[in-house]
Amino acid sequence: MLEEKKLAVWVLLDRLDVAFVENHELEANALRALVRAYADIRNLGHLSLKIFLREDIWKRITEQGLREASHIVRYVILD
């Protein structure tokens, strides 16, 4: 439907650091699931998922290994 109408949708996710402030284990599980969803969604041409994460959070959720992190091929670190 989006393709037929030549539309693109971006879904932006930000402030994820405050969503799970009380529970780092829950935060890590939720963000790992989000990265997996990103990997699934990225093949949809007219739907883009944009995730904004602090670098320290990214390091925390990937320190034990995250196979799906290899699907993140483009990123920008904001100062």
N, C-alpha and C. Protein backbone atom coordinates (compact mmCIF):
# COMPACT_ATOMS: atom_id res chain seq x y z
N MET A 1 0.81 -1.19 0.00
CA MET A 1 0.00 0.00 0.00
C MET A 1 0.86 1.26 0.00
N LEU A 2 1.88 1.33 0.85
CA LEU A 2 2.77 2.48 0.86
C LEU A 2 3.50 2.61 -0.46
N GLU A 3 3.94 1.47 -0.99
CA GLU A 3 4.66 1.47 -2.25
C GLU A 3 3.78 1.96 -3.39
N GLU A 4 2.52 1.53 -3.40
CA GLU A 4 1.59 1.96 -4.45
C GLU A 4 1.39 3.47 -4.44
N LYS A 5 1.37 4.05 -3.25
CA LYS A 5 1.14 5.49 -3.12
C LYS A 5 2.45 6.28 -3.08
N LYS A 6 3.57 5.56 -3.23
CA LYS A 6 4.89 6.18 -3.21
C LYS A 6 5.13 6.97 -1.93
N LEU A 7 4.78 6.36 -0.81
CA LEU A 7 4.96 6.96 0.51
C LEU A 7 6.03 6.21 1.29
N ALA A 8 6.71 6.92 2.15
CA ALA A 8 7.68 6.30 3.05
C ALA A 8 7.32 6.70 4.47
N VAL A 9 7.49 5.78 5.40
CA VAL A 9 7.19 6.03 6.81
C VAL A 9 8.46 5.78 7.61
N TRP A 10 8.80 6.75 8.45
CA TRP A 10 9.90 6.59 9.39
C TRP A 10 9.30 6.51 10.77
N VAL A 11 9.71 5.51 11.53
CA VAL A 11 9.30 5.38 12.92
C VAL A 11 10.54 5.71 13.75
N LEU A 12 10.45 6.79 14.52
CA LEU A 12 11.58 7.25 15.32
C LEU A 12 11.37 6.86 16.78
N LEU A 13 12.38 6.26 17.37
CA LEU A 13 12.31 5.84 18.77
C LEU A 13 13.43 6.54 19.53
N ASP A 14 13.05 7.31 20.52
CA ASP A 14 14.01 8.07 21.31
C ASP A 14 13.62 7.99 22.79
N ARG A 15 14.53 8.42 23.64
CA ARG A 15 14.33 8.44 25.10
C ARG A 15 14.09 7.04 25.67
N LEU A 16 14.68 6.07 25.02
CA LEU A 16 14.55 4.69 25.51
C LEU A 16 15.30 4.50 26.82
N ASP A 17 16.21 5.41 27.13
CA ASP A 17 16.96 5.31 28.38
C ASP A 17 16.07 5.54 29.60
N VAL A 18 14.97 6.25 29.44
CA VAL A 18 14.09 6.51 30.59
C VAL A 18 12.94 5.50 30.67
N ALA A 19 12.74 4.72 29.64
CA ALA A 19 11.64 3.77 29.64
C ALA A 19 11.84 2.65 30.66
N PHE A 20 13.07 2.27 30.90
CA PHE A 20 13.36 1.14 31.79
C PHE A 20 14.39 1.53 32.85
N VAL A 21 14.31 2.73 33.34
CA VAL A 21 15.33 3.28 34.23
C VAL A 21 15.52 2.45 35.50
N GLU A 22 14.50 1.78 35.96
CA GLU A 22 14.58 1.03 37.22
C GLU A 22 15.12 -0.39 37.07
N ASN A 23 15.14 -0.92 35.85
CA ASN A 23 15.48 -2.33 35.69
C ASN A 23 16.37 -2.51 34.46
N HIS A 24 17.69 -2.62 34.67
CA HIS A 24 18.62 -2.75 33.55
C HIS A 24 18.46 -4.07 32.80
N GLU A 25 18.07 -5.13 33.49
CA GLU A 25 17.87 -6.41 32.81
C GLU A 25 16.68 -6.33 31.85
N LEU A 26 15.59 -5.74 32.32
CA LEU A 26 14.42 -5.55 31.45
C LEU A 26 14.77 -4.63 30.28
N GLU A 27 15.54 -3.58 30.55
CA GLU A 27 15.98 -2.66 29.50
C GLU A 27 16.77 -3.42 28.43
N ALA A 28 17.73 -4.22 28.87
CA ALA A 28 18.57 -4.96 27.93
C ALA A 28 17.74 -5.92 27.09
N ASN A 29 16.82 -6.65 27.70
CA ASN A 29 15.97 -7.58 26.96
C ASN A 29 15.09 -6.86 25.95
N ALA A 30 14.50 -5.74 26.37
CA ALA A 30 13.63 -4.98 25.47
C ALA A 30 14.41 -4.40 24.30
N LEU A 31 15.58 -3.87 24.57
CA LEU A 31 16.37 -3.27 23.50
C LEU A 31 16.95 -4.32 22.56
N ARG A 32 17.30 -5.47 23.08
CA ARG A 32 17.73 -6.57 22.20
C ARG A 32 16.59 -6.98 21.27
N ALA A 33 15.39 -7.07 21.82
CA ALA A 33 14.22 -7.40 21.00
C ALA A 33 13.97 -6.32 19.95
N LEU A 34 14.18 -5.08 20.32
CA LEU A 34 14.01 -3.98 19.37
C LEU A 34 15.02 -4.07 18.23
N VAL A 35 16.25 -4.43 18.54
CA VAL A 35 17.27 -4.60 17.49
C VAL A 35 16.89 -5.76 16.57
N ARG A 36 16.34 -6.82 17.14
CA ARG A 36 15.87 -7.94 16.31
C ARG A 36 14.73 -7.49 15.38
N ALA A 37 13.81 -6.70 15.92
CA ALA A 37 12.71 -6.17 15.11
C ALA A 37 13.26 -5.27 14.01
N TYR A 38 14.25 -4.46 14.34
CA TYR A 38 14.88 -3.60 13.34
C TYR A 38 15.43 -4.44 12.19
N ALA A 39 16.09 -5.55 12.53
CA ALA A 39 16.65 -6.42 11.50
C ALA A 39 15.56 -6.98 10.60
N ASP A 40 14.40 -7.29 11.16
CA ASP A 40 13.28 -7.80 10.37
C ASP A 40 12.66 -6.71 9.50
N ILE A 41 12.55 -5.51 10.04
CA ILE A 41 11.86 -4.42 9.36
C ILE A 41 12.71 -3.79 8.27
N ARG A 42 14.02 -3.86 8.39
CA ARG A 42 14.88 -3.13 7.46
C ARG A 42 14.74 -3.56 6.01
N ASN A 43 14.18 -4.72 5.76
CA ASN A 43 13.97 -5.18 4.39
C ASN A 43 12.70 -4.63 3.76
N LEU A 44 11.89 -3.95 4.54
CA LEU A 44 10.69 -3.33 4.01
C LEU A 44 11.07 -1.98 3.43
N GLY A 45 10.94 -1.83 2.14
CA GLY A 45 11.45 -0.65 1.45
C GLY A 45 10.85 0.68 1.85
N HIS A 46 9.61 0.70 2.25
CA HIS A 46 8.94 1.97 2.51
C HIS A 46 8.69 2.22 3.99
N LEU A 47 9.29 1.40 4.84
CA LEU A 47 9.15 1.57 6.29
C LEU A 47 10.55 1.52 6.90
N SER A 48 10.92 2.59 7.60
CA SER A 48 12.25 2.67 8.21
C SER A 48 12.10 2.89 9.71
N LEU A 49 12.87 2.15 10.46
CA LEU A 49 12.90 2.28 11.91
C LEU A 49 14.18 3.00 12.28
N LYS A 50 14.06 4.11 12.99
CA LYS A 50 15.22 4.90 13.42
C LYS A 50 15.27 4.84 14.95
N ILE A 51 16.37 4.34 15.48
CA ILE A 51 16.50 4.15 16.92
C ILE A 51 17.59 5.08 17.43
N PHE A 52 17.27 5.85 18.45
CA PHE A 52 18.22 6.75 19.08
C PHE A 52 18.56 6.20 20.46
N LEU A 53 19.83 5.79 20.63
CA LEU A 53 20.29 5.21 21.89
C LEU A 53 21.57 5.91 22.33
N ARG A 54 21.70 6.08 23.62
CA ARG A 54 22.97 6.58 24.14
C ARG A 54 24.03 5.49 23.95
N GLU A 55 25.24 5.92 23.72
CA GLU A 55 26.33 4.98 23.46
C GLU A 55 26.57 4.04 24.64
N ASP A 56 26.45 4.54 25.88
CA ASP A 56 26.68 3.68 27.04
C ASP A 56 25.62 2.58 27.13
N ILE A 57 24.41 2.87 26.73
CA ILE A 57 23.36 1.85 26.75
C ILE A 57 23.64 0.81 25.68
N TRP A 58 24.04 1.25 24.49
CA TRP A 58 24.37 0.32 23.41
C TRP A 58 25.49 -0.62 23.85
N LYS A 59 26.51 -0.08 24.47
CA LYS A 59 27.62 -0.92 24.95
C LYS A 59 27.15 -1.92 25.99
N ARG A 60 26.25 -1.49 26.88
CA ARG A 60 25.75 -2.37 27.93
C ARG A 60 24.95 -3.54 27.36
N ILE A 61 24.11 -3.28 26.35
CA ILE A 61 23.28 -4.37 25.84
C ILE A 61 24.03 -5.28 24.88
N THR A 62 25.18 -4.82 24.36
CA THR A 62 25.93 -5.66 23.43
C THR A 62 27.16 -6.33 24.07
N GLU A 63 27.45 -5.99 25.32
CA GLU A 63 28.66 -6.53 25.94
C GLU A 63 28.62 -8.05 26.09
N GLN A 64 27.45 -8.64 26.20
CA GLN A 64 27.33 -10.10 26.31
C GLN A 64 27.15 -10.73 24.93
N GLY A 65 27.20 -9.92 23.90
CA GLY A 65 27.05 -10.42 22.54
C GLY A 65 25.61 -10.24 22.06
N LEU A 66 25.50 -9.76 20.86
CA LEU A 66 24.19 -9.58 20.24
C LEU A 66 24.38 -9.81 18.75
N ARG A 67 24.06 -10.99 18.31
CA ARG A 67 24.28 -11.38 16.93
C ARG A 67 23.62 -10.42 15.95
N GLU A 68 22.43 -9.92 16.30
CA GLU A 68 21.69 -9.03 15.41
C GLU A 68 22.36 -7.67 15.26
N ALA A 69 23.31 -7.35 16.12
CA ALA A 69 24.00 -6.06 16.03
C ALA A 69 24.74 -5.94 14.70
N SER A 70 25.08 -7.04 14.09
CA SER A 70 25.76 -6.99 12.79
C SER A 70 24.86 -6.43 11.70
N HIS A 71 23.55 -6.39 11.94
CA HIS A 71 22.62 -5.82 10.96
C HIS A 71 22.60 -4.30 11.02
N ILE A 72 23.17 -3.74 12.07
CA ILE A 72 23.24 -2.29 12.19
C ILE A 72 24.45 -1.85 11.38
N VAL A 73 24.21 -1.45 10.16
CA VAL A 73 25.32 -1.12 9.26
C VAL A 73 25.55 0.37 9.14
N ARG A 74 24.61 1.15 9.60
CA ARG A 74 24.76 2.60 9.51
C ARG A 74 24.35 3.23 10.83
N TYR A 75 25.25 4.00 11.41
CA TYR A 75 24.91 4.66 12.66
C TYR A 75 25.70 5.96 12.76
N VAL A 76 25.22 6.82 13.60
CA VAL A 76 25.87 8.11 13.84
C VAL A 76 25.94 8.31 15.34
N ILE A 77 27.08 8.73 15.82
CA ILE A 77 27.22 9.07 17.23
C ILE A 77 27.08 10.58 17.35
N LEU A 78 26.08 11.00 18.10
CA LEU A 78 25.83 12.42 18.28
C LEU A 78 26.57 12.91 19.52
N ASP A 79 27.16 14.05 19.43
CA ASP A 79 27.85 14.67 20.57
C ASP A 79 26.96 15.74 21.17
